Full PDB file with SEQRES, HELIX, SHEET, SSBOND, CRYST1, ORIGX, SCALE, CONECT and MASTER records, all heavy atoms in Angstrom:
SEQRES   1 A   43  THR ARG THR GLU LEU GLU GLY ALA ILE GLY GLY GLY GLY          
SEQRES   2 A   43  ASP ILE ALA LEU ASP PRO LEU GLY MET PRO GLU LEU ARG          
SEQRES   3 A   43  ILE ARG PRO TRP PRO LEU GLY MET ALA VAL LYS LYS ASP          
SEQRES   4 A   43  SER GLY GLN LEU                                              
HELIX    1 AA1 ARG A    2  ILE A    9  1                                   8    
HELIX    2 AA2 PRO A   23  LEU A   25  5                                   3    
CRYST1    1.000    1.000    1.000  90.00  90.00  90.00 P 1           1          
ORIGX1      1.000000  0.000000  0.000000        0.00000                         
ORIGX2      0.000000  1.000000  0.000000        0.00000                         
ORIGX3      0.000000  0.000000  1.000000        0.00000                         
SCALE1      1.000000  0.000000  0.000000        0.00000                         
SCALE2      0.000000  1.000000  0.000000        0.00000                         
SCALE3      0.000000  0.000000  1.000000        0.00000                         
ATOM      1  N   THR A   1     -58.152 -44.995 -82.593  1.00  0.00           N  
ATOM      2  CA  THR A   1     -58.716 -44.063 -81.648  1.00  0.00           C  
ATOM      3  C   THR A   1     -58.918 -42.761 -82.338  1.00  0.00           C  
ATOM      4  O   THR A   1     -58.200 -42.353 -83.278  1.00  0.00           O  
ATOM      5  CB  THR A   1     -57.647 -43.810 -80.469  1.00  0.00           C  
ATOM      6  OG1 THR A   1     -56.445 -43.432 -81.135  1.00  0.00           O  
ATOM      7  CG2 THR A   1     -57.396 -45.128 -79.718  1.00  0.00           C  
ATOM      8  N   ARG A   2     -60.074 -42.172 -81.999  1.00  0.00           N  
ATOM      9  CA  ARG A   2     -60.510 -41.010 -82.615  1.00  0.00           C  
ATOM     10  C   ARG A   2     -59.615 -39.835 -82.676  1.00  0.00           C  
ATOM     11  O   ARG A   2     -59.288 -39.160 -83.701  1.00  0.00           O  
ATOM     12  CB  ARG A   2     -61.883 -40.534 -82.021  1.00  0.00           C  
ATOM     13  CG  ARG A   2     -62.587 -39.385 -82.776  1.00  0.00           C  
ATOM     14  CD  ARG A   2     -63.978 -39.108 -82.216  1.00  0.00           C  
ATOM     15  NE  ARG A   2     -64.501 -38.053 -82.887  1.00  0.00           N  
ATOM     16  CZ  ARG A   2     -65.830 -37.696 -82.798  1.00  0.00           C  
ATOM     17  NH1 ARG A   2     -66.622 -38.429 -82.084  1.00  0.00           N  
ATOM     18  NH2 ARG A   2     -66.322 -36.659 -83.418  1.00  0.00           N  
ATOM     19  N   THR A   3     -59.025 -39.578 -81.497  1.00  0.00           N  
ATOM     20  CA  THR A   3     -58.053 -38.407 -81.368  1.00  0.00           C  
ATOM     21  C   THR A   3     -56.858 -38.619 -82.289  1.00  0.00           C  
ATOM     22  O   THR A   3     -56.392 -37.696 -82.909  1.00  0.00           O  
ATOM     23  CB  THR A   3     -57.636 -38.158 -79.964  1.00  0.00           C  
ATOM     24  OG1 THR A   3     -58.840 -38.045 -79.226  1.00  0.00           O  
ATOM     25  CG2 THR A   3     -56.846 -36.918 -79.854  1.00  0.00           C  
ATOM     26  N   GLU A   4     -56.356 -39.802 -82.271  1.00  0.00           N  
ATOM     27  CA  GLU A   4     -55.096 -39.996 -83.215  1.00  0.00           C  
ATOM     28  C   GLU A   4     -55.425 -39.939 -84.614  1.00  0.00           C  
ATOM     29  O   GLU A   4     -54.735 -39.371 -85.380  1.00  0.00           O  
ATOM     30  CB  GLU A   4     -54.626 -41.618 -82.879  1.00  0.00           C  
ATOM     31  CG  GLU A   4     -53.854 -41.695 -81.582  1.00  0.00           C  
ATOM     32  CD  GLU A   4     -53.350 -43.137 -81.473  1.00  0.00           C  
ATOM     33  OE1 GLU A   4     -52.241 -43.429 -82.069  1.00  0.00           O  
ATOM     34  OE2 GLU A   4     -54.050 -43.883 -80.773  1.00  0.00           O  
ATOM     35  N   LEU A   5     -56.578 -40.393 -85.002  1.00  0.00           N  
ATOM     36  CA  LEU A   5     -56.982 -40.325 -86.427  1.00  0.00           C  
ATOM     37  C   LEU A   5     -57.385 -38.939 -86.745  1.00  0.00           C  
ATOM     38  O   LEU A   5     -56.897 -38.425 -87.825  1.00  0.00           O  
ATOM     39  CB  LEU A   5     -58.370 -41.153 -86.662  1.00  0.00           C  
ATOM     40  CG  LEU A   5     -58.084 -42.657 -86.768  1.00  0.00           C  
ATOM     41  CD1 LEU A   5     -59.448 -43.369 -86.695  1.00  0.00           C  
ATOM     42  CD2 LEU A   5     -57.369 -42.981 -87.967  1.00  0.00           C  
ATOM     43  N   GLU A   6     -57.906 -38.044 -85.822  1.00  0.00           N  
ATOM     44  CA  GLU A   6     -58.208 -36.672 -86.121  1.00  0.00           C  
ATOM     45  C   GLU A   6     -56.888 -35.791 -86.207  1.00  0.00           C  
ATOM     46  O   GLU A   6     -56.801 -35.043 -87.128  1.00  0.00           O  
ATOM     47  CB  GLU A   6     -59.002 -36.097 -84.939  1.00  0.00           C  
ATOM     48  CG  GLU A   6     -59.503 -34.690 -85.126  1.00  0.00           C  
ATOM     49  CD  GLU A   6     -60.363 -34.156 -84.020  1.00  0.00           C  
ATOM     50  OE1 GLU A   6     -60.260 -34.633 -82.857  1.00  0.00           O  
ATOM     51  OE2 GLU A   6     -61.163 -33.297 -84.222  1.00  0.00           O  
ATOM     52  N   GLY A   7     -55.878 -36.181 -85.403  1.00  0.00           N  
ATOM     53  CA  GLY A   7     -54.577 -35.559 -85.496  1.00  0.00           C  
ATOM     54  C   GLY A   7     -53.990 -35.820 -86.866  1.00  0.00           C  
ATOM     55  O   GLY A   7     -53.231 -34.987 -87.496  1.00  0.00           O  
ATOM     56  N   ALA A   8     -54.002 -37.067 -87.272  1.00  0.00           N  
ATOM     57  CA  ALA A   8     -53.437 -37.481 -88.584  1.00  0.00           C  
ATOM     58  C   ALA A   8     -54.077 -36.907 -89.744  1.00  0.00           C  
ATOM     59  O   ALA A   8     -53.403 -36.639 -90.728  1.00  0.00           O  
ATOM     60  CB  ALA A   8     -53.391 -39.075 -88.613  1.00  0.00           C  
ATOM     61  N   ILE A   9     -55.433 -36.801 -89.659  1.00  0.00           N  
ATOM     62  CA  ILE A   9     -56.139 -36.220 -90.797  1.00  0.00           C  
ATOM     63  C   ILE A   9     -55.878 -34.775 -91.002  1.00  0.00           C  
ATOM     64  O   ILE A   9     -55.691 -34.303 -92.177  1.00  0.00           O  
ATOM     65  CB  ILE A   9     -57.705 -36.548 -90.644  1.00  0.00           C  
ATOM     66  CG1 ILE A   9     -57.982 -37.977 -90.665  1.00  0.00           C  
ATOM     67  CG2 ILE A   9     -58.429 -35.777 -91.657  1.00  0.00           C  
ATOM     68  CD1 ILE A   9     -59.425 -38.389 -90.329  1.00  0.00           C  
ATOM     69  N   GLY A  10     -55.899 -34.033 -89.835  1.00  0.00           N  
ATOM     70  CA  GLY A  10     -55.589 -32.592 -89.932  1.00  0.00           C  
ATOM     71  C   GLY A  10     -56.783 -31.899 -90.517  1.00  0.00           C  
ATOM     72  O   GLY A  10     -57.916 -32.353 -90.523  1.00  0.00           O  
ATOM     73  N   GLY A  11     -56.520 -30.755 -91.128  1.00  0.00           N  
ATOM     74  CA  GLY A  11     -57.636 -29.939 -91.824  1.00  0.00           C  
ATOM     75  C   GLY A  11     -57.949 -30.550 -93.209  1.00  0.00           C  
ATOM     76  O   GLY A  11     -57.358 -31.582 -93.628  1.00  0.00           O  
ATOM     77  N   GLY A  12     -59.081 -29.980 -93.771  1.00  0.00           N  
ATOM     78  CA  GLY A  12     -59.503 -30.453 -94.970  1.00  0.00           C  
ATOM     79  C   GLY A  12     -60.604 -31.532 -94.906  1.00  0.00           C  
ATOM     80  O   GLY A  12     -60.830 -32.157 -93.862  1.00  0.00           O  
ATOM     81  N   GLY A  13     -61.465 -31.604 -95.859  1.00  0.00           N  
ATOM     82  CA  GLY A  13     -62.574 -32.529 -95.816  1.00  0.00           C  
ATOM     83  C   GLY A  13     -62.613 -33.581 -96.730  1.00  0.00           C  
ATOM     84  O   GLY A  13     -63.684 -34.213 -97.048  1.00  0.00           O  
ATOM     85  N   ASP A  14     -61.346 -34.021 -97.240  1.00  0.00           N  
ATOM     86  CA  ASP A  14     -61.379 -35.117 -98.185  1.00  0.00           C  
ATOM     87  C   ASP A  14     -61.609 -36.563 -97.414  1.00  0.00           C  
ATOM     88  O   ASP A  14     -61.866 -37.571 -98.128  1.00  0.00           O  
ATOM     89  CB  ASP A  14     -59.985 -35.121 -98.929  1.00  0.00           C  
ATOM     90  CG  ASP A  14     -58.879 -35.085 -98.051  1.00  0.00           C  
ATOM     91  OD1 ASP A  14     -59.004 -34.670 -96.875  1.00  0.00           O  
ATOM     92  OD2 ASP A  14     -57.841 -35.697 -98.433  1.00  0.00           O  
ATOM     93  N   ILE A  15     -61.336 -36.559 -96.094  1.00  0.00           N  
ATOM     94  CA  ILE A  15     -61.612 -37.803 -95.340  1.00  0.00           C  
ATOM     95  C   ILE A  15     -62.553 -37.469 -94.287  1.00  0.00           C  
ATOM     96  O   ILE A  15     -62.535 -36.613 -93.423  1.00  0.00           O  
ATOM     97  CB  ILE A  15     -60.186 -38.144 -94.621  1.00  0.00           C  
ATOM     98  CG1 ILE A  15     -59.138 -38.477 -95.733  1.00  0.00           C  
ATOM     99  CG2 ILE A  15     -60.331 -39.438 -93.731  1.00  0.00           C  
ATOM    100  CD1 ILE A  15     -57.779 -38.932 -95.185  1.00  0.00           C  
ATOM    101  N   ALA A  16     -63.546 -38.318 -94.143  1.00  0.00           N  
ATOM    102  CA  ALA A  16     -64.612 -38.277 -93.208  1.00  0.00           C  
ATOM    103  C   ALA A  16     -64.106 -39.099 -91.888  1.00  0.00           C  
ATOM    104  O   ALA A  16     -63.357 -40.115 -91.995  1.00  0.00           O  
ATOM    105  CB  ALA A  16     -65.839 -38.902 -93.675  1.00  0.00           C  
ATOM    106  N   LEU A  17     -64.558 -38.681 -90.708  1.00  0.00           N  
ATOM    107  CA  LEU A  17     -64.222 -39.353 -89.453  1.00  0.00           C  
ATOM    108  C   LEU A  17     -65.426 -39.613 -88.698  1.00  0.00           C  
ATOM    109  O   LEU A  17     -66.250 -38.608 -88.360  1.00  0.00           O  
ATOM    110  CB  LEU A  17     -63.201 -38.400 -88.737  1.00  0.00           C  
ATOM    111  CG  LEU A  17     -62.720 -38.996 -87.250  1.00  0.00           C  
ATOM    112  CD1 LEU A  17     -62.036 -40.211 -87.437  1.00  0.00           C  
ATOM    113  CD2 LEU A  17     -61.905 -38.021 -86.602  1.00  0.00           C  
ATOM    114  N   ASP A  18     -65.770 -40.763 -88.293  1.00  0.00           N  
ATOM    115  CA  ASP A  18     -66.923 -41.092 -87.604  1.00  0.00           C  
ATOM    116  C   ASP A  18     -66.667 -42.041 -86.500  1.00  0.00           C  
ATOM    117  O   ASP A  18     -65.957 -42.950 -86.510  1.00  0.00           O  
ATOM    118  CB  ASP A  18     -67.912 -42.010 -88.558  1.00  0.00           C  
ATOM    119  CG  ASP A  18     -68.284 -41.177 -89.797  1.00  0.00           C  
ATOM    120  OD1 ASP A  18     -69.087 -40.217 -89.775  1.00  0.00           O  
ATOM    121  OD2 ASP A  18     -67.718 -41.444 -90.924  1.00  0.00           O  
ATOM    122  N   PRO A  19     -67.280 -41.664 -85.201  1.00  0.00           N  
ATOM    123  CA  PRO A  19     -67.130 -42.559 -84.146  1.00  0.00           C  
ATOM    124  C   PRO A  19     -67.847 -43.876 -84.331  1.00  0.00           C  
ATOM    125  O   PRO A  19     -68.694 -44.002 -85.128  1.00  0.00           O  
ATOM    126  CB  PRO A  19     -67.823 -41.807 -83.023  1.00  0.00           C  
ATOM    127  CG  PRO A  19     -68.815 -40.973 -83.693  1.00  0.00           C  
ATOM    128  CD  PRO A  19     -68.327 -40.563 -85.060  1.00  0.00           C  
ATOM    129  N   LEU A  20     -67.380 -44.857 -83.655  1.00  0.00           N  
ATOM    130  CA  LEU A  20     -67.877 -46.253 -83.638  1.00  0.00           C  
ATOM    131  C   LEU A  20     -68.505 -46.578 -82.305  1.00  0.00           C  
ATOM    132  O   LEU A  20     -67.732 -46.502 -81.341  1.00  0.00           O  
ATOM    133  CB  LEU A  20     -66.859 -47.269 -84.088  1.00  0.00           C  
ATOM    134  CG  LEU A  20     -66.412 -47.123 -85.524  1.00  0.00           C  
ATOM    135  CD1 LEU A  20     -65.242 -48.132 -85.713  1.00  0.00           C  
ATOM    136  CD2 LEU A  20     -67.417 -47.419 -86.599  1.00  0.00           C  
ATOM    137  N   GLY A  21     -69.662 -47.104 -82.141  1.00  0.00           N  
ATOM    138  CA  GLY A  21     -70.246 -47.311 -80.906  1.00  0.00           C  
ATOM    139  C   GLY A  21     -71.059 -48.577 -80.798  1.00  0.00           C  
ATOM    140  O   GLY A  21     -71.812 -48.860 -79.821  1.00  0.00           O  
ATOM    141  N   MET A  22     -70.964 -49.497 -81.824  1.00  0.00           N  
ATOM    142  CA  MET A  22     -71.668 -50.780 -81.693  1.00  0.00           C  
ATOM    143  C   MET A  22     -71.273 -51.603 -80.575  1.00  0.00           C  
ATOM    144  O   MET A  22     -70.055 -51.695 -80.250  1.00  0.00           O  
ATOM    145  CB  MET A  22     -71.589 -51.570 -83.051  1.00  0.00           C  
ATOM    146  CG  MET A  22     -70.198 -51.921 -83.628  1.00  0.00           C  
ATOM    147  SD  MET A  22     -69.327 -50.635 -84.535  1.00  0.00           S  
ATOM    148  CE  MET A  22     -70.360 -50.496 -85.990  1.00  0.00           C  
ATOM    149  N   PRO A  23     -72.113 -52.378 -79.966  1.00  0.00           N  
ATOM    150  CA  PRO A  23     -71.799 -53.145 -78.749  1.00  0.00           C  
ATOM    151  C   PRO A  23     -70.850 -54.209 -79.022  1.00  0.00           C  
ATOM    152  O   PRO A  23     -70.064 -54.699 -78.095  1.00  0.00           O  
ATOM    153  CB  PRO A  23     -73.179 -53.752 -78.363  1.00  0.00           C  
ATOM    154  CG  PRO A  23     -74.099 -53.530 -79.534  1.00  0.00           C  
ATOM    155  CD  PRO A  23     -73.594 -52.389 -80.344  1.00  0.00           C  
ATOM    156  N   GLU A  24     -70.664 -54.747 -80.257  1.00  0.00           N  
ATOM    157  CA  GLU A  24     -69.758 -55.790 -80.543  1.00  0.00           C  
ATOM    158  C   GLU A  24     -68.254 -55.368 -80.400  1.00  0.00           C  
ATOM    159  O   GLU A  24     -67.447 -56.209 -80.234  1.00  0.00           O  
ATOM    160  CB  GLU A  24     -70.001 -56.295 -81.989  1.00  0.00           C  
ATOM    161  CG  GLU A  24     -71.311 -57.059 -82.205  1.00  0.00           C  
ATOM    162  CD  GLU A  24     -72.408 -56.202 -82.488  1.00  0.00           C  
ATOM    163  OE1 GLU A  24     -72.320 -54.823 -82.419  1.00  0.00           O  
ATOM    164  OE2 GLU A  24     -73.392 -56.697 -82.964  1.00  0.00           O  
ATOM    165  N   LEU A  25     -68.029 -54.104 -80.298  1.00  0.00           N  
ATOM    166  CA  LEU A  25     -66.606 -53.580 -80.052  1.00  0.00           C  
ATOM    167  C   LEU A  25     -66.176 -54.005 -78.725  1.00  0.00           C  
ATOM    168  O   LEU A  25     -64.934 -54.093 -78.613  1.00  0.00           O  
ATOM    169  CB  LEU A  25     -66.624 -52.113 -80.176  1.00  0.00           C  
ATOM    170  CG  LEU A  25     -66.604 -51.508 -81.671  1.00  0.00           C  
ATOM    171  CD1 LEU A  25     -66.779 -49.931 -81.582  1.00  0.00           C  
ATOM    172  CD2 LEU A  25     -65.361 -51.849 -82.331  1.00  0.00           C  
ATOM    173  N   ARG A  26     -67.125 -54.250 -77.722  1.00  0.00           N  
ATOM    174  CA  ARG A  26     -66.695 -54.654 -76.354  1.00  0.00           C  
ATOM    175  C   ARG A  26     -65.846 -53.540 -75.810  1.00  0.00           C  
ATOM    176  O   ARG A  26     -64.943 -53.958 -74.852  1.00  0.00           O  
ATOM    177  CB  ARG A  26     -66.116 -55.941 -76.402  1.00  0.00           C  
ATOM    178  CG  ARG A  26     -67.049 -57.073 -76.838  1.00  0.00           C  
ATOM    179  CD  ARG A  26     -66.466 -58.506 -76.724  1.00  0.00           C  
ATOM    180  NE  ARG A  26     -67.345 -59.418 -77.184  1.00  0.00           N  
ATOM    181  CZ  ARG A  26     -67.087 -60.856 -77.306  1.00  0.00           C  
ATOM    182  NH1 ARG A  26     -65.900 -61.220 -76.858  1.00  0.00           N  
ATOM    183  NH2 ARG A  26     -67.977 -61.686 -77.733  1.00  0.00           N  
ATOM    184  N   ILE A  27     -65.854 -52.401 -76.135  1.00  0.00           N  
ATOM    185  CA  ILE A  27     -65.092 -51.330 -75.530  1.00  0.00           C  
ATOM    186  C   ILE A  27     -65.808 -50.024 -75.694  1.00  0.00           C  
ATOM    187  O   ILE A  27     -66.314 -49.634 -76.703  1.00  0.00           O  
ATOM    188  CB  ILE A  27     -63.666 -51.129 -76.100  1.00  0.00           C  
ATOM    189  CG1 ILE A  27     -62.867 -50.230 -75.348  1.00  0.00           C  
ATOM    190  CG2 ILE A  27     -63.683 -50.936 -77.574  1.00  0.00           C  
ATOM    191  CD1 ILE A  27     -61.368 -50.275 -75.776  1.00  0.00           C  
ATOM    192  N   ARG A  28     -66.119 -49.407 -74.517  1.00  0.00           N  
ATOM    193  CA  ARG A  28     -66.765 -48.147 -74.411  1.00  0.00           C  
ATOM    194  C   ARG A  28     -65.790 -46.955 -74.536  1.00  0.00           C  
ATOM    195  O   ARG A  28     -64.568 -47.053 -74.377  1.00  0.00           O  
ATOM    196  CB  ARG A  28     -67.734 -48.046 -73.160  1.00  0.00           C  
ATOM    197  CG  ARG A  28     -68.708 -49.122 -73.007  1.00  0.00           C  
ATOM    198  CD  ARG A  28     -69.439 -49.064 -71.716  1.00  0.00           C  
ATOM    199  NE  ARG A  28     -70.401 -49.956 -71.536  1.00  0.00           N  
ATOM    200  CZ  ARG A  28     -71.088 -50.176 -70.433  1.00  0.00           C  
ATOM    201  NH1 ARG A  28     -70.938 -49.318 -69.367  1.00  0.00           N  
ATOM    202  NH2 ARG A  28     -72.070 -51.089 -70.273  1.00  0.00           N  
ATOM    203  N   PRO A  29     -66.309 -45.792 -74.777  1.00  0.00           N  
ATOM    204  CA  PRO A  29     -65.331 -44.551 -74.661  1.00  0.00           C  
ATOM    205  C   PRO A  29     -64.766 -44.546 -73.290  1.00  0.00           C  
ATOM    206  O   PRO A  29     -65.401 -44.918 -72.186  1.00  0.00           O  
ATOM    207  CB  PRO A  29     -66.301 -43.434 -74.820  1.00  0.00           C  
ATOM    208  CG  PRO A  29     -67.484 -44.010 -75.749  1.00  0.00           C  
ATOM    209  CD  PRO A  29     -67.669 -45.366 -75.262  1.00  0.00           C  
ATOM    210  N   TRP A  30     -63.411 -44.234 -73.303  1.00  0.00           N  
ATOM    211  CA  TRP A  30     -62.714 -44.299 -71.870  1.00  0.00           C  
ATOM    212  C   TRP A  30     -62.085 -42.999 -71.653  1.00  0.00           C  
ATOM    213  O   TRP A  30     -61.543 -42.303 -72.449  1.00  0.00           O  
ATOM    214  CB  TRP A  30     -61.723 -45.379 -72.071  1.00  0.00           C  
ATOM    215  CG  TRP A  30     -60.653 -45.364 -72.965  1.00  0.00           C  
ATOM    216  CD1 TRP A  30     -59.389 -44.876 -72.856  1.00  0.00           C  
ATOM    217  CD2 TRP A  30     -60.767 -45.652 -74.370  1.00  0.00           C  
ATOM    218  NE1 TRP A  30     -58.690 -44.857 -74.009  1.00  0.00           N  
ATOM    219  CE2 TRP A  30     -59.551 -45.396 -75.009  1.00  0.00           C  
ATOM    220  CE3 TRP A  30     -61.735 -46.235 -75.230  1.00  0.00           C  
ATOM    221  CZ2 TRP A  30     -59.268 -45.673 -76.368  1.00  0.00           C  
ATOM    222  CZ3 TRP A  30     -61.520 -46.458 -76.581  1.00  0.00           C  
ATOM    223  CH2 TRP A  30     -60.175 -46.087 -77.110  1.00  0.00           C  
ATOM    224  N   PRO A  31     -62.097 -42.515 -70.362  1.00  0.00           N  
ATOM    225  CA  PRO A  31     -61.560 -41.229 -69.982  1.00  0.00           C  
ATOM    226  C   PRO A  31     -60.094 -41.419 -69.689  1.00  0.00           C  
ATOM    227  O   PRO A  31     -59.618 -42.510 -69.191  1.00  0.00           O  
ATOM    228  CB  PRO A  31     -62.388 -40.904 -68.664  1.00  0.00           C  
ATOM    229  CG  PRO A  31     -62.863 -42.261 -68.137  1.00  0.00           C  
ATOM    230  CD  PRO A  31     -62.981 -43.219 -69.349  1.00  0.00           C  
ATOM    231  N   LEU A  32     -59.279 -40.481 -70.120  1.00  0.00           N  
ATOM    232  CA  LEU A  32     -57.912 -40.469 -69.935  1.00  0.00           C  
ATOM    233  C   LEU A  32     -57.589 -39.535 -68.733  1.00  0.00           C  
ATOM    234  O   LEU A  32     -58.135 -38.443 -68.682  1.00  0.00           O  
ATOM    235  CB  LEU A  32     -57.178 -39.953 -71.234  1.00  0.00           C  
ATOM    236  CG  LEU A  32     -57.374 -40.784 -72.509  1.00  0.00           C  
ATOM    237  CD1 LEU A  32     -56.690 -40.019 -73.646  1.00  0.00           C  
ATOM    238  CD2 LEU A  32     -56.747 -42.232 -72.284  1.00  0.00           C  
ATOM    239  N   GLY A  33     -56.762 -39.975 -67.941  1.00  0.00           N  
ATOM    240  CA  GLY A  33     -56.386 -39.187 -66.697  1.00  0.00           C  
ATOM    241  C   GLY A  33     -54.891 -39.312 -66.336  1.00  0.00           C  
ATOM    242  O   GLY A  33     -54.031 -39.495 -67.225  1.00  0.00           O  
ATOM    243  N   MET A  34     -54.595 -39.200 -64.967  1.00  0.00           N  
ATOM    244  CA  MET A  34     -53.214 -39.227 -64.519  1.00  0.00           C  
ATOM    245  C   MET A  34     -52.948 -40.292 -63.469  1.00  0.00           C  
ATOM    246  O   MET A  34     -53.936 -40.821 -62.903  1.00  0.00           O  
ATOM    247  CB  MET A  34     -52.915 -37.893 -63.919  1.00  0.00           C  
ATOM    248  CG  MET A  34     -53.240 -36.687 -64.799  1.00  0.00           C  
ATOM    249  SD  MET A  34     -52.955 -35.085 -63.855  1.00  0.00           S  
ATOM    250  CE  MET A  34     -54.667 -34.509 -63.661  1.00  0.00           C  
ATOM    251  N   ALA A  35     -51.736 -40.567 -63.113  1.00  0.00           N  
ATOM    252  CA  ALA A  35     -51.323 -41.382 -62.162  1.00  0.00           C  
ATOM    253  C   ALA A  35     -50.205 -41.001 -61.362  1.00  0.00           C  
ATOM    254  O   ALA A  35     -49.171 -40.469 -61.989  1.00  0.00           O  
ATOM    255  CB  ALA A  35     -51.091 -42.879 -62.710  1.00  0.00           C  
ATOM    256  N   VAL A  36     -50.259 -41.048 -59.994  1.00  0.00           N  
ATOM    257  CA  VAL A  36     -49.118 -40.787 -59.138  1.00  0.00           C  
ATOM    258  C   VAL A  36     -48.913 -41.950 -58.292  1.00  0.00           C  
ATOM    259  O   VAL A  36     -49.619 -42.952 -58.256  1.00  0.00           O  
ATOM    260  CB  VAL A  36     -49.473 -39.562 -58.309  1.00  0.00           C  
ATOM    261  CG1 VAL A  36     -49.513 -38.288 -59.301  1.00  0.00           C  
ATOM    262  CG2 VAL A  36     -50.491 -39.700 -57.425  1.00  0.00           C  
ATOM    263  N   LYS A  37     -47.893 -41.957 -57.405  1.00  0.00           N  
ATOM    264  CA  LYS A  37     -47.687 -43.007 -56.478  1.00  0.00           C  
ATOM    265  C   LYS A  37     -48.817 -43.097 -55.525  1.00  0.00           C  
ATOM    266  O   LYS A  37     -49.440 -42.071 -55.178  1.00  0.00           O  
ATOM    267  CB  LYS A  37     -46.349 -42.834 -55.683  1.00  0.00           C  
ATOM    268  CG  LYS A  37     -45.127 -42.980 -56.461  1.00  0.00           C  
ATOM    269  CD  LYS A  37     -43.941 -42.868 -55.549  1.00  0.00           C  
ATOM    270  CE  LYS A  37     -42.667 -43.061 -56.430  1.00  0.00           C  
ATOM    271  NZ  LYS A  37     -41.348 -42.826 -55.598  1.00  0.00           N  
ATOM    272  N   LYS A  38     -49.100 -44.166 -54.976  1.00  0.00           N  
ATOM    273  CA  LYS A  38     -50.298 -44.474 -54.071  1.00  0.00           C  
ATOM    274  C   LYS A  38     -50.264 -43.448 -52.908  1.00  0.00           C  
ATOM    275  O   LYS A  38     -51.341 -42.970 -52.529  1.00  0.00           O  
ATOM    276  CB  LYS A  38     -50.308 -45.898 -53.678  1.00  0.00           C  
ATOM    277  CG  LYS A  38     -51.541 -46.277 -52.868  1.00  0.00           C  
ATOM    278  CD  LYS A  38     -52.772 -46.290 -53.685  1.00  0.00           C  
ATOM    279  CE  LYS A  38     -54.115 -46.693 -53.055  1.00  0.00           C  
ATOM    280  NZ  LYS A  38     -55.200 -46.704 -53.944  1.00  0.00           N  
ATOM    281  N   ASP A  39     -49.126 -43.229 -52.387  1.00  0.00           N  
ATOM    282  CA  ASP A  39     -49.027 -42.399 -51.114  1.00  0.00           C  
ATOM    283  C   ASP A  39     -48.914 -40.952 -51.452  1.00  0.00           C  
ATOM    284  O   ASP A  39     -48.582 -40.091 -50.566  1.00  0.00           O  
ATOM    285  CB  ASP A  39     -47.898 -42.924 -50.240  1.00  0.00           C  
ATOM    286  CG  ASP A  39     -46.509 -42.860 -50.947  1.00  0.00           C  
ATOM    287  OD1 ASP A  39     -46.489 -42.509 -52.126  1.00  0.00           O  
ATOM    288  OD2 ASP A  39     -45.581 -43.283 -50.249  1.00  0.00           O  
ATOM    289  N   SER A  40     -48.933 -40.528 -52.732  1.00  0.00           N  
ATOM    290  CA  SER A  40     -48.781 -39.077 -53.092  1.00  0.00           C  
ATOM    291  C   SER A  40     -50.264 -38.422 -53.147  1.00  0.00           C  
ATOM    292  O   SER A  40     -50.500 -37.775 -54.152  1.00  0.00           O  
ATOM    293  CB  SER A  40     -48.116 -39.018 -54.468  1.00  0.00           C  
ATOM    294  OG  SER A  40     -46.721 -39.530 -54.373  1.00  0.00           O  
ATOM    295  N   GLY A  41     -50.906 -38.448 -51.976  1.00  0.00           N  
ATOM    296  CA  GLY A  41     -52.271 -38.049 -51.927  1.00  0.00           C  
ATOM    297  C   GLY A  41     -52.268 -36.317 -52.128  1.00  0.00           C  
ATOM    298  O   GLY A  41     -53.105 -35.898 -52.853  1.00  0.00           O  
ATOM    299  N   GLN A  42     -51.300 -35.687 -51.580  1.00  0.00           N  
ATOM    300  CA  GLN A  42     -51.185 -34.290 -51.735  1.00  0.00           C  
ATOM    301  C   GLN A  42     -51.050 -33.874 -53.131  1.00  0.00           C  
ATOM    302  O   GLN A  42     -51.671 -32.828 -53.663  1.00  0.00           O  
ATOM    303  CB  GLN A  42     -50.187 -33.750 -50.660  1.00  0.00           C  
ATOM    304  CG  GLN A  42     -50.588 -33.613 -49.277  1.00  0.00           C  
ATOM    305  CD  GLN A  42     -49.559 -33.045 -48.471  1.00  0.00           C  
ATOM    306  OE1 GLN A  42     -48.355 -33.299 -48.460  1.00  0.00           O  
ATOM    307  NE2 GLN A  42     -49.918 -31.914 -47.680  1.00  0.00           N  
ATOM    308  N   LEU A  43     -50.131 -34.532 -53.801  1.00  0.00           N  
ATOM    309  CA  LEU A  43     -49.756 -34.203 -55.124  1.00  0.00           C  
ATOM    310  C   LEU A  43     -51.047 -34.450 -56.020  1.00  0.00           C  
ATOM    311  O   LEU A  43     -51.391 -33.577 -56.925  1.00  0.00           O  
ATOM    312  CB  LEU A  43     -48.626 -35.105 -55.660  1.00  0.00           C  
ATOM    313  CG  LEU A  43     -48.207 -34.895 -57.119  1.00  0.00           C  
ATOM    314  CD1 LEU A  43     -47.919 -33.336 -57.500  1.00  0.00           C  
ATOM    315  CD2 LEU A  43     -47.054 -35.760 -57.479  1.00  0.00           C  
TER     316      LEU A  43                                                      
MASTER        0    0    0    2    0    0    0    6  315    1    0    4          
END                                                                             
């Protein structure tokens, strides 16, 4: 995952970081969000 790699690399330019988007990956970029109990609509 890009964010984990970016965090591990930190500053400096000795390591390049490139996104991967070829269709054979069978996984698109995915949004991260939150979860609460089903009946916790107000929350």
